[in-house]
C-alpha atoms as a PDB file:
ATOM      1  CA  MET A   1      -0.339   0.094   0.179  1.00  0.00           C
ATOM      2  CA  TYR A   2       1.167   3.494  -0.988  1.00  0.00           C
ATOM      3  CA  ILE A   3       1.350   6.264   1.266  1.00  0.00           C
ATOM      4  CA  PHE A   4       0.404   9.468  -0.183  1.00  0.00           C
ATOM      5  CA  GLU A   5       1.610  13.101   0.524  1.00  0.00           C
ATOM      6  CA  PRO A   6      -0.632  14.664   3.378  1.00  0.00           C
ATOM      7  CA  ILE A   7      -0.636  17.682   1.110  1.00  0.00           C
ATOM      8  CA  SER A   8      -3.974  18.238  -0.480  1.00  0.00           C
ATOM      9  CA  THR A   9      -4.363  18.475  -4.240  1.00  0.00           C
ATOM     10  CA  GLU A  10      -6.011  21.804  -3.672  1.00  0.00           C
ATOM     11  CA  ASP A  11      -3.047  22.965  -1.888  1.00  0.00           C
ATOM     12  CA  ILE A  12      -0.594  22.010  -4.552  1.00  0.00           C
ATOM     13  CA  LEU A  13      -2.765  23.739  -7.186  1.00  0.00           C
ATOM     14  CA  ARG A  14      -2.644  26.922  -5.197  1.00  0.00           C
ATOM     15  CA  SER A  15       1.155  26.919  -4.644  1.00  0.00           C
ATOM     16  CA  LEU A  16       1.595  26.252  -8.298  1.00  0.00           C
ATOM     17  CA  SER A  17      -0.906  29.155  -9.294  1.00  0.00           C
ATOM     18  CA  ARG A  18       0.595  31.777  -6.532  1.00  0.00           C
ATOM     19  CA  ASN A  19       4.427  30.767  -7.493  1.00  0.00           C
ATOM     20  CA  CYS A  20       3.688  31.301 -11.145  1.00  0.00           C
ATOM     21  CA  ARG A  21       1.925  34.553 -10.398  1.00  0.00           C
ATOM     22  CA  LEU A  22       5.144  35.662  -8.297  1.00  0.00           C
ATOM     23  CA  ARG A  23       7.669  34.515 -10.951  1.00  0.00           C
ATOM     24  CA  ARG A  24       5.609  36.363 -13.498  1.00  0.00           C
ATOM     25  CA  LEU A  25       5.306  39.696 -11.686  1.00  0.00           C
ATOM     26  CA  GLU A  26       9.170  39.594 -10.736  1.00  0.00           C
ATOM     27  CA  LYS A  27       9.766  39.495 -14.578  1.00  0.00           C
ATOM     28  CA  ASN A  28       7.297  42.334 -14.706  1.00  0.00           C
ATOM     29  CA  LEU A  29       5.117  40.645 -17.019  1.00  0.00           C
ATOM     30  CA  SER A  30       1.650  41.372 -17.444  1.00  0.00           C
ATOM     31  CA  GLN A  31      -1.237  38.268 -17.841  1.00  0.00           C
ATOM     32  CA  LYS A  32      -1.658  39.696 -21.509  1.00  0.00           C
ATOM     33  CA  SER A  33       2.352  39.436 -22.442  1.00  0.00           C
ATOM     34  CA  LEU A  34       2.465  36.165 -20.861  1.00  0.00           C
ATOM     35  CA  SER A  35      -0.474  35.195 -22.801  1.00  0.00           C
ATOM     36  CA  GLU A  36       1.225  36.481 -26.097  1.00  0.00           C
ATOM     37  CA  THR A  37       4.561  34.977 -25.361  1.00  0.00           C
ATOM     38  CA  SER A  38       3.285  31.531 -24.295  1.00  0.00           C
ATOM     39  CA  GLY A  39       0.402  30.894 -26.583  1.00  0.00           C
ATOM     40  CA  VAL A  40      -1.874  30.197 -23.743  1.00  0.00           C
ATOM     41  CA  PRO A  41      -4.851  32.365 -23.735  1.00  0.00           C
ATOM     42  CA  LEU A  42      -5.285  34.899 -21.278  1.00  0.00           C
ATOM     43  CA  SER A  43      -8.560  33.836 -19.624  1.00  0.00           C
ATOM     44  CA  THR A  44      -6.736  30.442 -19.288  1.00  0.00           C
ATOM     45  CA  ILE A  45      -4.151  32.377 -17.353  1.00  0.00           C
ATOM     46  CA  GLN A  46      -6.488  34.305 -15.298  1.00  0.00           C
ATOM     47  CA  ARG A  47      -8.396  31.005 -14.327  1.00  0.00           C
ATOM     48  CA  PHE A  48      -4.994  29.515 -13.397  1.00  0.00           C
ATOM     49  CA  GLU A  49      -4.090  32.670 -11.211  1.00  0.00           C
ATOM     50  CA  HIS A  50      -7.363  32.817  -9.557  1.00  0.00           C
ATOM     51  CA  ILE A  51      -8.473  29.260  -9.038  1.00  0.00           C
ATOM     52  CA  GLY A  52      -5.646  27.120  -9.806  1.00  0.00           C
ATOM     53  CA  GLU A  53      -7.166  25.233 -13.024  1.00  0.00           C
ATOM     54  CA  ILE A  54      -5.240  24.605 -16.036  1.00  0.00           C
ATOM     55  CA  SER A  55      -4.156  21.848 -18.075  1.00  0.00           C
ATOM     56  CA  LEU A  56      -0.668  20.214 -17.852  1.00  0.00           C
ATOM     57  CA  ALA A  57       0.355  21.353 -21.471  1.00  0.00           C
ATOM     58  CA  SER A  58      -0.786  25.226 -20.768  1.00  0.00           C
ATOM     59  CA  PHE A  59       1.340  25.158 -17.375  1.00  0.00           C
ATOM     60  CA  VAL A  60       4.286  23.809 -19.410  1.00  0.00           C
ATOM     61  CA  LYS A  61       4.129  26.812 -21.767  1.00  0.00           C
ATOM     62  CA  ILE A  62       3.673  29.134 -18.926  1.00  0.00           C
ATOM     63  CA  VAL A  63       7.000  27.378 -17.029  1.00  0.00           C
ATOM     64  CA  ARG A  64       8.635  27.861 -20.222  1.00  0.00           C
ATOM     65  CA  VAL A  65       8.507  31.537 -20.553  1.00  0.00           C
ATOM     66  CA  LEU A  66       9.144  31.940 -16.871  1.00  0.00           C
ATOM     67  CA  GLY A  67      12.290  29.917 -17.265  1.00  0.00           C
ATOM     68  CA  TYR A  68      11.854  26.931 -15.127  1.00  0.00           C
ATOM     69  CA  ALA A  69      11.695  24.410 -18.070  1.00  0.00           C
ATOM     70  CA  GLU A  70      14.760  22.493 -16.628  1.00  0.00           C
ATOM     71  CA  ASP A  71      12.818  22.456 -13.230  1.00  0.00           C
ATOM     72  CA  MET A  72       9.782  20.734 -15.059  1.00  0.00           C
ATOM     73  CA  MET A  73      12.030  18.158 -16.515  1.00  0.00           C
ATOM     74  CA  GLU A  74      13.357  17.056 -13.247  1.00  0.00           C
ATOM     75  CA  LEU A  75      10.006  16.795 -11.529  1.00  0.00           C
ATOM     76  CA  ILE A  76       9.592  13.613 -10.093  1.00  0.00           C
ATOM     77  CA  GLY A  77      12.657  12.380 -11.928  1.00  0.00           C
ATOM     78  CA  LYS A  78      14.243  10.352  -9.259  1.00  0.00           C
ATOM     79  CA  PRO A  79      12.348   7.581  -6.889  1.00  0.00           C
ATOM     80  CA  LYS A  80      11.955   8.817  -3.028  1.00  0.00           C
ATOM     81  CA  TYR A  81      11.630   5.971  -0.443  1.00  0.00           C
ATOM     82  CA  SER A  82       9.877   5.870   2.621  1.00  0.00           C
ATOM     83  CA  SER A  83      11.466   2.832   4.021  1.00  0.00           C
ATOM     84  CA  LEU A  84      14.321   0.334   3.056  1.00  0.00           C
ATOM     85  CA  ASP A  85      11.744  -1.994   1.945  1.00  0.00           C
ATOM     86  CA  GLU A  86      10.605   0.630  -0.392  1.00  0.00           C
ATOM     87  CA  MET A  87      13.838   1.113  -1.531  1.00  0.00           C
ATOM     88  CA  VAL A  88      14.551  -2.500  -2.866  1.00  0.00           C
ATOM     89  CA  ARG A  89      11.301  -2.926  -4.305  1.00  0.00           C
ATOM     90  CA  ILE A  90      11.827   0.019  -6.077  1.00  0.00           C
ATOM     91  CA  ASN A  91      15.373  -0.908  -7.494  1.00  0.00           C
ATOM     92  CA  LYS A  92      14.049  -4.415  -8.279  1.00  0.00           C
ATOM     93  CA  ASN A  93      11.335  -2.719 -10.554  1.00  0.00           C
ATOM     94  CA  ARG A  94      13.367  -0.450 -12.169  1.00  0.00           C
ATOM     95  CA  ASN A  95      12.984  -1.634 -15.616  1.00  0.00           C
ATOM     96  CA  ARG A  96       9.601  -2.827 -15.714  1.00  0.00           C
ATOM     97  CA  LYS A  97       7.841  -1.852 -18.733  1.00  0.00           C
ATOM     98  CA  ARG A  98       4.102  -2.761 -17.027  1.00  0.00           C
ATOM     99  CA  GLY A  99       2.706  -2.479 -13.577  1.00  0.00           C
ATOM    100  CA  THR A 100       0.388  -5.105 -11.882  1.00  0.00           C
ATOM    101  CA  ASP A 101      -2.025  -4.775  -9.464  1.00  0.00           C
ATOM    102  CA  GLU A 102      -0.164  -7.179  -6.861  1.00  0.00           C
ATOM    103  CA  LYS A 103      -0.559  -6.067  -3.216  1.00  0.00           C
ATOM    104  CA  ILE A 104       2.377  -4.610  -1.903  1.00  0.00           C
END
């Protein structure tokens, strides 16, 4: 059984939205100029900054303009272990091509 992070999905979305807005403002970009540069509709940027909803493709377009493309490439790039047993299991399954529903 996997133990999920205690942080809610909504908390993560709010944090990503807030951080993107802060990075946009630090670069002195308006929502309109970010829209024009990224190709993401202005209404999508406004919705993202207001309620945190956005498609992954639009989010990546925004992140690229803000200069965080490499950070996105690193996201979940390395396995995380919560125990020695999990580390052994993950390393054993490193080259798997398919998952199963067997009990963990």
